[in-house]
Amino acid sequence: MPMPEESIQQGKCYATGGAENYKVVNITRGIVTYVVFTKGQKAQPLRINAGVKHFAAAVTKEVMCPAEG
């Protein structure tokens, strides 16, 4: 089930239901900038943008973010 758009917050991580999770690095004017990480691994350096509605529809729940470093 998709998450409500108002639940998406900067600095939080979200599960997609698959092997990849997303960490939100910024939200500006309805655009979510996020990085992808595979469960148990560091986030990839590539940042991706999506509308908050599309992002919320793609994630299923909030999860713990991977340790930095």
C-alpha atoms as a PDB file:
ATOM      1  CA  MET A   1       0.000   0.000   0.000  1.00  0.00           C
ATOM      2  CA  PRO A   2       1.435   3.418  -0.885  1.00  0.00           C
ATOM      3  CA  MET A   3       2.337   5.889   1.824  1.00  0.00           C
ATOM      4  CA  PRO A   4       0.537   9.218   2.323  1.00  0.00           C
ATOM      5  CA  GLU A   5       2.425  12.084   0.655  1.00  0.00           C
ATOM      6  CA  GLU A   6       2.576  14.063   3.927  1.00  0.00           C
ATOM      7  CA  SER A   7       4.476  11.159   5.562  1.00  0.00           C
ATOM      8  CA  ILE A   8       7.505  11.585   3.278  1.00  0.00           C
ATOM      9  CA  GLN A   9      10.226  13.498   5.157  1.00  0.00           C
ATOM     10  CA  GLN A  10      13.772  14.619   4.448  1.00  0.00           C
ATOM     11  CA  GLY A  11      16.437  12.444   6.097  1.00  0.00           C
ATOM     12  CA  LYS A  12      14.178   9.382   6.394  1.00  0.00           C
ATOM     13  CA  CYS A  13      14.477   6.077   4.550  1.00  0.00           C
ATOM     14  CA  TYR A  14      11.699   4.122   2.902  1.00  0.00           C
ATOM     15  CA  ALA A  15      11.215   0.553   1.661  1.00  0.00           C
ATOM     16  CA  THR A  16       9.994  -0.170  -1.840  1.00  0.00           C
ATOM     17  CA  GLY A  17       8.871  -3.728  -1.218  1.00  0.00           C
ATOM     18  CA  GLY A  18      11.817  -5.032  -3.267  1.00  0.00           C
ATOM     19  CA  ALA A  19      15.575  -5.202  -2.710  1.00  0.00           C
ATOM     20  CA  GLU A  20      16.068  -1.434  -2.953  1.00  0.00           C
ATOM     21  CA  ASN A  21      15.304   1.224  -0.374  1.00  0.00           C
ATOM     22  CA  TYR A  22      15.385   5.009  -0.741  1.00  0.00           C
ATOM     23  CA  LYS A  23      16.833   7.738   1.467  1.00  0.00           C
ATOM     24  CA  VAL A  24      15.272  11.179   1.023  1.00  0.00           C
ATOM     25  CA  VAL A  25      17.990  13.846   0.930  1.00  0.00           C
ATOM     26  CA  ASN A  26      15.823  16.852   0.048  1.00  0.00           C
ATOM     27  CA  ILE A  27      12.248  17.921  -0.640  1.00  0.00           C
ATOM     28  CA  THR A  28      11.745  21.206  -2.500  1.00  0.00           C
ATOM     29  CA  ARG A  29       8.458  22.458  -3.996  1.00  0.00           C
ATOM     30  CA  GLY A  30       7.000  18.971  -4.233  1.00  0.00           C
ATOM     31  CA  ILE A  31      10.140  17.374  -5.713  1.00  0.00           C
ATOM     32  CA  VAL A  32      11.801  14.601  -3.699  1.00  0.00           C
ATOM     33  CA  THR A  33      15.543  14.084  -4.186  1.00  0.00           C
ATOM     34  CA  TYR A  34      16.647  10.666  -2.997  1.00  0.00           C
ATOM     35  CA  VAL A  35      19.429   8.081  -3.175  1.00  0.00           C
ATOM     36  CA  VAL A  36      19.006   4.338  -3.595  1.00  0.00           C
ATOM     37  CA  PHE A  37      20.537   1.725  -1.334  1.00  0.00           C
ATOM     38  CA  THR A  38      20.279  -2.034  -1.314  1.00  0.00           C
ATOM     39  CA  LYS A  39      19.357  -3.553   2.028  1.00  0.00           C
ATOM     40  CA  GLY A  40      22.488  -3.861   4.181  1.00  0.00           C
ATOM     41  CA  GLN A  41      24.646  -1.646   1.937  1.00  0.00           C
ATOM     42  CA  LYS A  42      25.623   2.010   1.600  1.00  0.00           C
ATOM     43  CA  ALA A  43      23.592   4.418  -0.489  1.00  0.00           C
ATOM     44  CA  GLN A  44      24.611   4.867  -4.119  1.00  0.00           C
ATOM     45  CA  PRO A  45      26.125   8.281  -4.972  1.00  0.00           C
ATOM     46  CA  LEU A  46      23.598   9.023  -7.760  1.00  0.00           C
ATOM     47  CA  ARG A  47      20.700  11.278  -6.703  1.00  0.00           C
ATOM     48  CA  ILE A  48      17.315  10.870  -8.312  1.00  0.00           C
ATOM     49  CA  ASN A  49      14.366  13.300  -8.421  1.00  0.00           C
ATOM     50  CA  ALA A  50      10.665  12.447  -8.411  1.00  0.00           C
ATOM     51  CA  GLY A  51       7.442  14.201  -7.585  1.00  0.00           C
ATOM     52  CA  VAL A  52       6.295  13.568  -4.025  1.00  0.00           C
ATOM     53  CA  LYS A  53       3.093  11.904  -5.271  1.00  0.00           C
ATOM     54  CA  HIS A  54       5.045   9.468  -7.457  1.00  0.00           C
ATOM     55  CA  PHE A  55       7.607   8.807  -4.690  1.00  0.00           C
ATOM     56  CA  ALA A  56       4.901   8.127  -2.081  1.00  0.00           C
ATOM     57  CA  ALA A  57       3.213   5.690  -4.470  1.00  0.00           C
ATOM     58  CA  ALA A  58       6.496   3.776  -4.911  1.00  0.00           C
ATOM     59  CA  VAL A  59       7.309   3.239  -1.221  1.00  0.00           C
ATOM     60  CA  THR A  60       5.523   1.077   1.315  1.00  0.00           C
ATOM     61  CA  LYS A  61       6.905   1.973   4.757  1.00  0.00           C
ATOM     62  CA  GLU A  62       9.610   3.867   6.662  1.00  0.00           C
ATOM     63  CA  VAL A  63      12.741   1.838   7.500  1.00  0.00           C
ATOM     64  CA  MET A  64      16.009   2.382   9.375  1.00  0.00           C
ATOM     65  CA  CYS A  65      18.616   4.215   7.336  1.00  0.00           C
ATOM     66  CA  PRO A  66      22.006   2.537   6.813  1.00  0.00           C
ATOM     67  CA  ALA A  67      24.891   3.692   8.979  1.00  0.00           C
ATOM     68  CA  GLU A  68      26.953   6.480   7.430  1.00  0.00           C
ATOM     69  CA  GLY A  69      30.667   5.979   6.946  1.00  0.00           C
END
